[in-house]
Amino acid sequence: KPTEEELRKQNLLNEKAELEAWLKAHDYIGVKIATGRATVEEYATEIEEMTDKANRINEIEAILENL
């Protein structure tokens, strides 16, 4: 039976993987902006969400380093 710490670590790793998958699925936004096919304003909501998810990944990595 996994310990509480092992479960916590696995939950964090699962959350990180989900966040990374979401970010990867939205990479096209940066490409569209970089190639001039869209503007930052058009994707402001998504960019804000991307930033939030990237920040959470950083938090998770910091937590995992200290486990």
PDB file of N, CA and C in Angstrom:
ATOM      1  N   LYS A   1       0.850  -1.186   0.000  1.00  0.00           N
ATOM      2  CA  LYS A   1       0.000   0.000   0.000  1.00  0.00           C
ATOM      3  C   LYS A   1       0.892   1.244   0.000  1.00  0.00           C
ATOM      4  N   PRO A   2       0.620   2.202  -0.920  1.00  0.00           N
ATOM      5  CA  PRO A   2       1.454   3.409  -0.982  1.00  0.00           C
ATOM      6  C   PRO A   2       1.278   4.280   0.265  1.00  0.00           C
ATOM      7  N   THR A   3       2.358   4.938   0.612  1.00  0.00           N
ATOM      8  CA  THR A   3       2.302   5.851   1.753  1.00  0.00           C
ATOM      9  C   THR A   3       1.586   7.139   1.339  1.00  0.00           C
ATOM     10  N   GLU A   4       1.249   7.936   2.332  1.00  0.00           N
ATOM     11  CA  GLU A   4       0.587   9.217   2.066  1.00  0.00           C
ATOM     12  C   GLU A   4       1.474  10.107   1.194  1.00  0.00           C
ATOM     13  N   GLU A   5       2.770  10.092   1.469  1.00  0.00           N
ATOM     14  CA  GLU A   5       3.711  10.902   0.684  1.00  0.00           C
ATOM     15  C   GLU A   5       3.786  10.404  -0.760  1.00  0.00           C
ATOM     16  N   GLU A   6       3.795   9.099  -0.953  1.00  0.00           N
ATOM     17  CA  GLU A   6       3.815   8.542  -2.308  1.00  0.00           C
ATOM     18  C   GLU A   6       2.545   8.905  -3.073  1.00  0.00           C
ATOM     19  N   LEU A   7       1.416   8.856  -2.393  1.00  0.00           N
ATOM     20  CA  LEU A   7       0.151   9.248  -3.028  1.00  0.00           C
ATOM     21  C   LEU A   7       0.164  10.722  -3.402  1.00  0.00           C
ATOM     22  N   ARG A   8       0.651  11.542  -2.499  1.00  0.00           N
ATOM     23  CA  ARG A   8       0.733  12.984  -2.776  1.00  0.00           C
ATOM     24  C   ARG A   8       1.630  13.240  -3.983  1.00  0.00           C
ATOM     25  N   LYS A   9       2.776  12.580  -4.014  1.00  0.00           N
ATOM     26  CA  LYS A   9       3.705  12.747  -5.134  1.00  0.00           C
ATOM     27  C   LYS A   9       3.046  12.324  -6.443  1.00  0.00           C
ATOM     28  N   GLN A  10       2.360  11.182  -6.434  1.00  0.00           N
ATOM     29  CA  GLN A  10       1.706  10.709  -7.652  1.00  0.00           C
ATOM     30  C   GLN A  10       0.608  11.665  -8.102  1.00  0.00           C
ATOM     31  N   ASN A  11      -0.156  12.188  -7.153  1.00  0.00           N
ATOM     32  CA  ASN A  11      -1.200  13.162  -7.490  1.00  0.00           C
ATOM     33  C   ASN A  11      -0.615  14.418  -8.114  1.00  0.00           C
ATOM     34  N   LEU A  12       0.499  14.880  -7.562  1.00  0.00           N
ATOM     35  CA  LEU A  12       1.161  16.060  -8.120  1.00  0.00           C
ATOM     36  C   LEU A  12       1.698  15.771  -9.522  1.00  0.00           C
ATOM     37  N   LEU A  13       2.286  14.603  -9.704  1.00  0.00           N
ATOM     38  CA  LEU A  13       2.804  14.232 -11.029  1.00  0.00           C
ATOM     39  C   LEU A  13       1.665  14.125 -12.043  1.00  0.00           C
ATOM     40  N   ASN A  14       0.533  13.583 -11.622  1.00  0.00           N
ATOM     41  CA  ASN A  14      -0.632  13.500 -12.509  1.00  0.00           C
ATOM     42  C   ASN A  14      -1.141  14.882 -12.882  1.00  0.00           C
ATOM     43  N   GLU A  15      -1.234  15.763 -11.886  1.00  0.00           N
ATOM     44  CA  GLU A  15      -1.692  17.132 -12.151  1.00  0.00           C
ATOM     45  C   GLU A  15      -0.736  17.829 -13.111  1.00  0.00           C
ATOM     46  N   LYS A  16       0.561  17.673 -12.884  1.00  0.00           N
ATOM     47  CA  LYS A  16       1.567  18.289 -13.761  1.00  0.00           C
ATOM     48  C   LYS A  16       1.424  17.785 -15.192  1.00  0.00           C
ATOM     49  N   ALA A  17       1.225  16.483 -15.354  1.00  0.00           N
ATOM     50  CA  ALA A  17       1.072  15.905 -16.688  1.00  0.00           C
ATOM     51  C   ALA A  17      -0.166  16.462 -17.390  1.00  0.00           C
ATOM     52  N   GLU A  18      -1.255  16.617 -16.661  1.00  0.00           N
ATOM     53  CA  GLU A  18      -2.475  17.186 -17.238  1.00  0.00           C
ATOM     54  C   GLU A  18      -2.260  18.637 -17.667  1.00  0.00           C
ATOM     55  N   LEU A  19      -1.581  19.410 -16.824  1.00  0.00           N
ATOM     56  CA  LEU A  19      -1.306  20.805 -17.158  1.00  0.00           C
ATOM     57  C   LEU A  19      -0.411  20.901 -18.386  1.00  0.00           C
ATOM     58  N   GLU A  20       0.619  20.065 -18.437  1.00  0.00           N
ATOM     59  CA  GLU A  20       1.534  20.074 -19.580  1.00  0.00           C
ATOM     60  C   GLU A  20       0.813  19.667 -20.861  1.00  0.00           C
ATOM     61  N   ALA A  21      -0.084  18.708 -20.770  1.00  0.00           N
ATOM     62  CA  ALA A  21      -0.848  18.286 -21.951  1.00  0.00           C
ATOM     63  C   ALA A  21      -1.738  19.424 -22.442  1.00  0.00           C
ATOM     64  N   TRP A  22      -2.354  20.132 -21.513  1.00  0.00           N
ATOM     65  CA  TRP A  22      -3.212  21.266 -21.885  1.00  0.00           C
ATOM     66  C   TRP A  22      -2.371  22.334 -22.585  1.00  0.00           C
ATOM     67  N   LEU A  23      -1.215  22.653 -22.007  1.00  0.00           N
ATOM     68  CA  LEU A  23      -0.351  23.663 -22.617  1.00  0.00           C
ATOM     69  C   LEU A  23       0.093  23.228 -24.016  1.00  0.00           C
ATOM     70  N   LYS A  24       0.472  21.976 -24.153  1.00  0.00           N
ATOM     71  CA  LYS A  24       0.910  21.473 -25.459  1.00  0.00           C
ATOM     72  C   LYS A  24      -0.216  21.582 -26.486  1.00  0.00           C
ATOM     73  N   ALA A  25      -1.425  21.292 -26.056  1.00  0.00           N
ATOM     74  CA  ALA A  25      -2.577  21.364 -26.964  1.00  0.00           C
ATOM     75  C   ALA A  25      -2.883  22.791 -27.397  1.00  0.00           C
ATOM     76  N   HIS A  26      -2.360  23.764 -26.665  1.00  0.00           N
ATOM     77  CA  HIS A  26      -2.612  25.171 -26.989  1.00  0.00           C
ATOM     78  C   HIS A  26      -1.384  25.887 -27.550  1.00  0.00           C
ATOM     79  N   ASP A  27      -0.346  25.140 -27.883  1.00  0.00           N
ATOM     80  CA  ASP A  27       0.867  25.731 -28.479  1.00  0.00           C
ATOM     81  C   ASP A  27       0.567  26.483 -29.771  1.00  0.00           C
ATOM     82  N   TYR A  28      -0.470  26.057 -30.462  1.00  0.00           N
ATOM     83  CA  TYR A  28      -0.811  26.700 -31.735  1.00  0.00           C
ATOM     84  C   TYR A  28      -1.056  28.198 -31.568  1.00  0.00           C
ATOM     85  N   ILE A  29      -1.456  28.625 -30.401  1.00  0.00           N
ATOM     86  CA  ILE A  29      -1.741  30.046 -30.173  1.00  0.00           C
ATOM     87  C   ILE A  29      -0.480  30.871 -30.387  1.00  0.00           C
ATOM     88  N   GLY A  30       0.617  30.418 -29.808  1.00  0.00           N
ATOM     89  CA  GLY A  30       1.880  31.138 -29.980  1.00  0.00           C
ATOM     90  C   GLY A  30       2.325  31.172 -31.428  1.00  0.00           C
ATOM     91  N   VAL A  31       2.107  30.076 -32.131  1.00  0.00           N
ATOM     92  CA  VAL A  31       2.481  30.011 -33.546  1.00  0.00           C
ATOM     93  C   VAL A  31       1.633  30.996 -34.350  1.00  0.00           C
ATOM     94  N   LYS A  32       0.340  31.030 -34.080  1.00  0.00           N
ATOM     95  CA  LYS A  32      -0.535  31.953 -34.809  1.00  0.00           C
ATOM     96  C   LYS A  32      -0.135  33.405 -34.559  1.00  0.00           C
ATOM     97  N   ILE A  33       0.198  33.720 -33.315  1.00  0.00           N
ATOM     98  CA  ILE A  33       0.603  35.093 -32.996  1.00  0.00           C
ATOM     99  C   ILE A  33       1.941  35.404 -33.654  1.00  0.00           C
ATOM    100  N   ALA A  34       2.892  34.469 -33.559  1.00  0.00           N
ATOM    101  CA  ALA A  34       4.227  34.682 -34.124  1.00  0.00           C
ATOM    102  C   ALA A  34       4.203  34.848 -35.638  1.00  0.00           C
ATOM    103  N   THR A  35       3.269  34.185 -36.291  1.00  0.00           N
ATOM    104  CA  THR A  35       3.204  34.260 -37.752  1.00  0.00           C
ATOM    105  C   THR A  35       2.237  35.338 -38.240  1.00  0.00           C
ATOM    106  N   GLY A  36       1.668  36.090 -37.313  1.00  0.00           N
ATOM    107  CA  GLY A  36       0.801  37.197 -37.692  1.00  0.00           C
ATOM    108  C   GLY A  36      -0.605  36.788 -38.084  1.00  0.00           C
ATOM    109  N   ARG A  37      -0.981  35.556 -37.813  1.00  0.00           N
ATOM    110  CA  ARG A  37      -2.327  35.107 -38.165  1.00  0.00           C
ATOM    111  C   ARG A  37      -3.324  35.365 -37.041  1.00  0.00           C
ATOM    112  N   ALA A  38      -2.827  35.883 -35.913  1.00  0.00           N
ATOM    113  CA  ALA A  38      -3.689  36.223 -34.784  1.00  0.00           C
ATOM    114  C   ALA A  38      -2.970  37.265 -33.949  1.00  0.00           C
ATOM    115  N   THR A  39      -3.707  37.886 -33.057  1.00  0.00           N
ATOM    116  CA  THR A  39      -3.112  38.886 -32.168  1.00  0.00           C
ATOM    117  C   THR A  39      -3.197  38.405 -30.722  1.00  0.00           C
ATOM    118  N   VAL A  40      -2.364  39.009 -29.888  1.00  0.00           N
ATOM    119  CA  VAL A  40      -2.385  38.704 -28.463  1.00  0.00           C
ATOM    120  C   VAL A  40      -3.771  39.010 -27.898  1.00  0.00           C
ATOM    121  N   GLU A  41      -4.365  40.084 -28.356  1.00  0.00           N
ATOM    122  CA  GLU A  41      -5.683  40.477 -27.858  1.00  0.00           C
ATOM    123  C   GLU A  41      -6.739  39.406 -28.144  1.00  0.00           C
ATOM    124  N   GLU A  42      -6.640  38.769 -29.298  1.00  0.00           N
ATOM    125  CA  GLU A  42      -7.607  37.728 -29.654  1.00  0.00           C
ATOM    126  C   GLU A  42      -7.537  36.533 -28.710  1.00  0.00           C
ATOM    127  N   TYR A  43      -6.384  36.294 -28.158  1.00  0.00           N
ATOM    128  CA  TYR A  43      -6.181  35.130 -27.291  1.00  0.00           C
ATOM    129  C   TYR A  43      -5.835  35.525 -25.857  1.00  0.00           C
ATOM    130  N   ALA A  44      -6.245  36.710 -25.444  1.00  0.00           N
ATOM    131  CA  ALA A  44      -5.901  37.203 -24.105  1.00  0.00           C
ATOM    132  C   ALA A  44      -6.356  36.259 -23.001  1.00  0.00           C
ATOM    133  N   THR A  45      -7.550  35.733 -23.110  1.00  0.00           N
ATOM    134  CA  THR A  45      -8.074  34.827 -22.082  1.00  0.00           C
ATOM    135  C   THR A  45      -7.252  33.548 -22.019  1.00  0.00           C
ATOM    136  N   GLU A  46      -6.964  32.974 -23.180  1.00  0.00           N
ATOM    137  CA  GLU A  46      -6.190  31.746 -23.233  1.00  0.00           C
ATOM    138  C   GLU A  46      -4.758  31.967 -22.740  1.00  0.00           C
ATOM    139  N   ILE A  47      -4.177  33.111 -23.084  1.00  0.00           N
ATOM    140  CA  ILE A  47      -2.818  33.417 -22.646  1.00  0.00           C
ATOM    141  C   ILE A  47      -2.772  33.543 -21.128  1.00  0.00           C
ATOM    142  N   GLU A  48      -3.780  34.159 -20.545  1.00  0.00           N
ATOM    143  CA  GLU A  48      -3.850  34.272 -19.088  1.00  0.00           C
ATOM    144  C   GLU A  48      -3.947  32.882 -18.455  1.00  0.00           C
ATOM    145  N   GLU A  49      -4.771  32.021 -19.040  1.00  0.00           N
ATOM    146  CA  GLU A  49      -4.909  30.660 -18.521  1.00  0.00           C
ATOM    147  C   GLU A  49      -3.605  29.888 -18.683  1.00  0.00           C
ATOM    148  N   MET A  50      -2.911  30.085 -19.801  1.00  0.00           N
ATOM    149  CA  MET A  50      -1.628  29.425 -20.024  1.00  0.00           C
ATOM    150  C   MET A  50      -0.617  29.845 -18.956  1.00  0.00           C
ATOM    151  N   THR A  51      -0.606  31.126 -18.649  1.00  0.00           N
ATOM    152  CA  THR A  51       0.302  31.643 -17.626  1.00  0.00           C
ATOM    153  C   THR A  51      -0.009  31.026 -16.272  1.00  0.00           C
ATOM    154  N   ASP A  52      -1.297  30.955 -15.930  1.00  0.00           N
ATOM    155  CA  ASP A  52      -1.704  30.345 -14.664  1.00  0.00           C
ATOM    156  C   ASP A  52      -1.263  28.884 -14.591  1.00  0.00           C
ATOM    157  N   LYS A  53      -1.461  28.152 -15.667  1.00  0.00           N
ATOM    158  CA  LYS A  53      -1.092  26.732 -15.688  1.00  0.00           C
ATOM    159  C   LYS A  53       0.429  26.564 -15.610  1.00  0.00           C
ATOM    160  N   ALA A  54       1.177  27.408 -16.296  1.00  0.00           N
ATOM    161  CA  ALA A  54       2.638  27.347 -16.240  1.00  0.00           C
ATOM    162  C   ALA A  54       3.136  27.664 -14.823  1.00  0.00           C
ATOM    163  N   ASN A  55       2.501  28.636 -14.182  1.00  0.00           N
ATOM    164  CA  ASN A  55       2.870  28.962 -12.806  1.00  0.00           C
ATOM    165  C   ASN A  55       2.583  27.796 -11.872  1.00  0.00           C
ATOM    166  N   ARG A  56       1.470  27.109 -12.080  1.00  0.00           N
ATOM    167  CA  ARG A  56       1.139  25.949 -11.242  1.00  0.00           C
ATOM    168  C   ARG A  56       2.148  24.827 -11.466  1.00  0.00           C
ATOM    169  N   ILE A  57       2.597  24.630 -12.694  1.00  0.00           N
ATOM    170  CA  ILE A  57       3.630  23.625 -12.958  1.00  0.00           C
ATOM    171  C   ILE A  57       4.890  23.963 -12.163  1.00  0.00           C
ATOM    172  N   ASN A  58       5.265  25.231 -12.158  1.00  0.00           N
ATOM    173  CA  ASN A  58       6.439  25.650 -11.391  1.00  0.00           C
ATOM    174  C   ASN A  58       6.253  25.371  -9.901  1.00  0.00           C
ATOM    175  N   GLU A  59       5.045  25.625  -9.380  1.00  0.00           N
ATOM    176  CA  GLU A  59       4.753  25.341  -7.975  1.00  0.00           C
ATOM    177  C   GLU A  59       4.887  23.853  -7.688  1.00  0.00           C
ATOM    178  N   ILE A  60       4.330  23.044  -8.564  1.00  0.00           N
ATOM    179  CA  ILE A  60       4.389  21.591  -8.384  1.00  0.00           C
ATOM    180  C   ILE A  60       5.829  21.116  -8.390  1.00  0.00           C
ATOM    181  N   GLU A  61       6.634  21.628  -9.319  1.00  0.00           N
ATOM    182  CA  GLU A  61       8.044  21.226  -9.375  1.00  0.00           C
ATOM    183  C   GLU A  61       8.779  21.584  -8.096  1.00  0.00           C
ATOM    184  N   ALA A  62       8.472  22.756  -7.544  1.00  0.00           N
ATOM    185  CA  ALA A  62       9.105  23.168  -6.282  1.00  0.00           C
ATOM    186  C   ALA A  62       8.686  22.253  -5.139  1.00  0.00           C
ATOM    187  N   ILE A  63       7.423  21.888  -5.110  1.00  0.00           N
ATOM    188  CA  ILE A  63       6.925  20.977  -4.058  1.00  0.00           C
ATOM    189  C   ILE A  63       7.616  19.622  -4.199  1.00  0.00           C
ATOM    190  N   LEU A  64       7.694  19.109  -5.419  1.00  0.00           N
ATOM    191  CA  LEU A  64       8.307  17.794  -5.649  1.00  0.00           C
ATOM    192  C   LEU A  64       9.777  17.780  -5.260  1.00  0.00           C
ATOM    193  N   GLU A  65      10.465  18.884  -5.479  1.00  0.00           N
ATOM    194  CA  GLU A  65      11.886  18.959  -5.093  1.00  0.00           C
ATOM    195  C   GLU A  65      12.062  18.820  -3.588  1.00  0.00           C
ATOM    196  N   ASN A  66      11.053  19.260  -2.841  1.00  0.00           N
ATOM    197  CA  ASN A  66      11.153  19.243  -1.385  1.00  0.00           C
ATOM    198  C   ASN A  66      10.538  18.000  -0.739  1.00  0.00           C
ATOM    199  N   LEU A  67      10.030  17.093  -1.558  1.00  0.00           N
ATOM    200  CA  LEU A  67       9.463  15.856  -0.984  1.00  0.00           C
ATOM    201  C   LEU A  67      10.550  14.832  -0.747  1.00  0.00           C
TER     202      LEU A  67
END
